[in-house]
């Protein structure tokens, strides 16, 4: 299932159980940038990916508006 959030505009996140009890969360945007985390708690992994995506968004905004 693909999920989107208002605090990470333009990003989509997918949570997948890749092995019993092991999850992978992947996030991507329309520019081809990606974030990815693997572990045992999908909620924590999703939050970490969202934080990673927010850092990319902030860095991009800073580069565009120095």
N, C-alpha and C. Protein backbone atom coordinates (compact mmCIF):
# COMPACT_ATOMS: atom_id res chain seq x y z
N UNK A 1 0.84 -1.17 0.00
CA UNK A 1 0.00 0.00 0.00
C UNK A 1 0.89 1.24 0.00
N UNK A 2 0.57 2.21 -0.83
CA UNK A 2 1.31 3.45 -0.91
C UNK A 2 0.64 4.49 -0.02
N UNK A 3 1.47 5.18 0.76
CA UNK A 3 0.94 6.19 1.68
C UNK A 3 1.61 7.53 1.39
N UNK A 4 0.85 8.61 1.57
CA UNK A 4 1.38 9.97 1.44
C UNK A 4 1.01 10.74 2.70
N UNK A 5 1.81 11.79 2.99
CA UNK A 5 1.60 12.59 4.19
C UNK A 5 1.80 14.06 3.86
N UNK A 6 1.05 14.91 4.53
CA UNK A 6 1.11 16.35 4.25
C UNK A 6 2.44 16.96 4.67
N UNK A 7 3.13 16.36 5.64
CA UNK A 7 4.40 16.93 6.09
C UNK A 7 5.59 16.54 5.20
N UNK A 8 5.34 15.66 4.22
CA UNK A 8 6.36 15.30 3.23
C UNK A 8 5.74 15.40 1.84
N UNK A 9 5.44 16.63 1.39
CA UNK A 9 4.76 16.80 0.11
C UNK A 9 5.57 16.23 -1.06
N UNK A 10 4.88 15.51 -1.93
CA UNK A 10 5.52 14.93 -3.11
C UNK A 10 6.16 13.58 -2.87
N UNK A 11 6.14 13.10 -1.65
CA UNK A 11 6.76 11.82 -1.31
C UNK A 11 5.69 10.75 -1.13
N UNK A 12 6.04 9.53 -1.53
CA UNK A 12 5.19 8.36 -1.34
C UNK A 12 5.99 7.32 -0.57
N UNK A 13 5.33 6.61 0.32
CA UNK A 13 5.99 5.62 1.16
C UNK A 13 5.28 4.28 1.04
N UNK A 14 6.08 3.22 1.00
CA UNK A 14 5.55 1.87 0.92
C UNK A 14 6.17 1.04 2.04
N UNK A 15 5.34 0.34 2.81
CA UNK A 15 5.80 -0.56 3.87
C UNK A 15 5.55 -1.99 3.40
N UNK A 16 6.60 -2.81 3.48
CA UNK A 16 6.48 -4.19 3.02
C UNK A 16 7.17 -5.12 4.00
N UNK A 17 6.54 -6.23 4.32
CA UNK A 17 7.17 -7.25 5.15
C UNK A 17 8.00 -8.12 4.21
N UNK A 18 9.32 -8.04 4.32
CA UNK A 18 10.21 -8.74 3.39
C UNK A 18 10.62 -10.11 3.90
N UNK A 19 10.47 -10.35 5.17
CA UNK A 19 10.73 -11.63 5.79
C UNK A 19 9.88 -11.67 7.05
N UNK A 20 9.69 -12.81 7.65
CA UNK A 20 8.83 -12.89 8.82
C UNK A 20 9.32 -11.93 9.91
N UNK A 21 8.53 -10.90 10.19
CA UNK A 21 8.86 -9.94 11.23
C UNK A 21 9.89 -8.89 10.84
N UNK A 22 10.28 -8.88 9.58
CA UNK A 22 11.25 -7.89 9.09
C UNK A 22 10.57 -7.04 8.02
N UNK A 23 10.64 -5.74 8.21
CA UNK A 23 9.94 -4.80 7.33
C UNK A 23 10.91 -3.89 6.61
N UNK A 24 10.49 -3.47 5.44
CA UNK A 24 11.26 -2.51 4.66
C UNK A 24 10.32 -1.38 4.30
N UNK A 25 10.76 -0.16 4.56
CA UNK A 25 10.00 1.02 4.19
C UNK A 25 10.81 1.77 3.15
N UNK A 26 10.17 2.07 2.04
CA UNK A 26 10.81 2.82 0.97
C UNK A 26 9.99 4.07 0.71
N UNK A 27 10.68 5.17 0.54
CA UNK A 27 10.05 6.43 0.19
C UNK A 27 10.69 6.98 -1.07
N UNK A 28 9.89 7.64 -1.89
CA UNK A 28 10.44 8.24 -3.11
C UNK A 28 9.62 9.46 -3.49
N UNK A 29 10.26 10.33 -4.26
CA UNK A 29 9.55 11.50 -4.76
C UNK A 29 9.62 11.53 -6.28
N UNK A 30 8.98 12.50 -6.88
CA UNK A 30 8.91 12.60 -8.33
C UNK A 30 10.23 12.92 -9.00
N UNK A 31 11.25 13.32 -8.22
CA UNK A 31 12.56 13.64 -8.78
C UNK A 31 13.50 12.44 -8.74
N UNK A 32 13.00 11.30 -8.23
CA UNK A 32 13.82 10.09 -8.18
C UNK A 32 14.63 9.94 -6.91
N UNK A 33 14.44 10.85 -5.98
CA UNK A 33 15.16 10.72 -4.70
C UNK A 33 14.48 9.66 -3.86
N UNK A 34 15.26 8.90 -3.11
CA UNK A 34 14.70 7.81 -2.32
C UNK A 34 15.28 7.77 -0.91
N UNK A 35 14.50 7.20 0.00
CA UNK A 35 14.95 6.89 1.35
C UNK A 35 14.48 5.47 1.62
N UNK A 36 15.21 4.77 2.47
CA UNK A 36 14.85 3.38 2.74
C UNK A 36 15.37 2.97 4.11
N UNK A 37 14.56 2.20 4.82
CA UNK A 37 14.93 1.66 6.13
C UNK A 37 14.42 0.22 6.23
N UNK A 38 15.17 -0.60 6.94
CA UNK A 38 14.79 -1.99 7.17
C UNK A 38 14.93 -2.30 8.65
N UNK A 39 13.96 -3.03 9.22
CA UNK A 39 14.01 -3.38 10.63
C UNK A 39 12.77 -4.14 11.05
N UNK A 40 12.52 -4.18 12.35
CA UNK A 40 11.42 -5.00 12.86
C UNK A 40 10.18 -4.22 13.28
N UNK A 41 10.25 -2.90 13.34
CA UNK A 41 9.09 -2.10 13.74
C UNK A 41 8.69 -1.17 12.59
N UNK A 42 7.66 -1.53 11.85
CA UNK A 42 7.31 -0.73 10.67
C UNK A 42 6.92 0.70 10.98
N UNK A 43 6.32 0.95 12.15
CA UNK A 43 5.94 2.32 12.51
C UNK A 43 7.17 3.19 12.73
N UNK A 44 8.17 2.65 13.41
CA UNK A 44 9.41 3.39 13.64
C UNK A 44 10.14 3.62 12.32
N UNK A 45 10.18 2.61 11.50
CA UNK A 45 10.86 2.74 10.20
C UNK A 45 10.20 3.80 9.34
N UNK A 46 8.86 3.81 9.34
CA UNK A 46 8.14 4.82 8.56
C UNK A 46 8.45 6.22 9.07
N UNK A 47 8.46 6.39 10.37
CA UNK A 47 8.77 7.70 10.94
C UNK A 47 10.19 8.13 10.58
N UNK A 48 11.14 7.19 10.63
CA UNK A 48 12.52 7.51 10.28
C UNK A 48 12.63 7.91 8.81
N UNK A 49 11.92 7.21 7.94
CA UNK A 49 11.94 7.56 6.52
C UNK A 49 11.33 8.94 6.28
N UNK A 50 10.26 9.24 7.00
CA UNK A 50 9.65 10.56 6.86
C UNK A 50 10.62 11.65 7.31
N UNK A 51 11.35 11.41 8.39
CA UNK A 51 12.34 12.38 8.86
C UNK A 51 13.44 12.54 7.81
N UNK A 52 13.90 11.43 7.23
CA UNK A 52 14.92 11.50 6.18
C UNK A 52 14.41 12.31 4.99
N UNK A 53 13.16 12.08 4.60
CA UNK A 53 12.58 12.82 3.47
C UNK A 53 12.47 14.31 3.80
N UNK A 54 12.07 14.63 5.02
CA UNK A 54 11.97 16.04 5.43
C UNK A 54 13.33 16.73 5.37
N UNK A 55 14.38 16.02 5.73
CA UNK A 55 15.73 16.58 5.64
C UNK A 55 16.08 16.89 4.19
N UNK A 56 15.71 16.00 3.28
CA UNK A 56 15.97 16.23 1.85
C UNK A 56 15.17 17.43 1.37
N UNK A 57 13.92 17.51 1.78
CA UNK A 57 13.07 18.64 1.39
C UNK A 57 13.68 19.95 1.89
N UNK A 58 14.09 19.99 3.14
CA UNK A 58 14.68 21.20 3.72
C UNK A 58 15.97 21.57 3.01
N UNK A 59 16.81 20.58 2.71
CA UNK A 59 18.08 20.86 2.04
C UNK A 59 17.81 21.43 0.64
N UNK A 60 16.84 20.87 -0.06
CA UNK A 60 16.50 21.36 -1.39
C UNK A 60 15.99 22.78 -1.34
N UNK A 61 15.14 23.08 -0.35
CA UNK A 61 14.62 24.44 -0.22
C UNK A 61 15.73 25.43 0.11
N UNK A 62 16.68 25.02 0.92
CA UNK A 62 17.81 25.88 1.28
C UNK A 62 18.69 26.15 0.07
N UNK A 63 18.91 25.14 -0.76
CA UNK A 63 19.73 25.30 -1.96
C UNK A 63 19.04 26.20 -2.98
N UNK A 64 17.71 26.12 -3.04
CA UNK A 64 16.97 26.94 -4.00
C UNK A 64 16.84 28.39 -3.54
N UNK A 65 16.86 28.62 -2.22
CA UNK A 65 16.71 29.95 -1.65
C UNK A 65 17.81 30.22 -0.64
N UNK A 66 19.04 30.43 -1.14
CA UNK A 66 20.18 30.62 -0.20
C UNK A 66 20.07 31.87 0.63
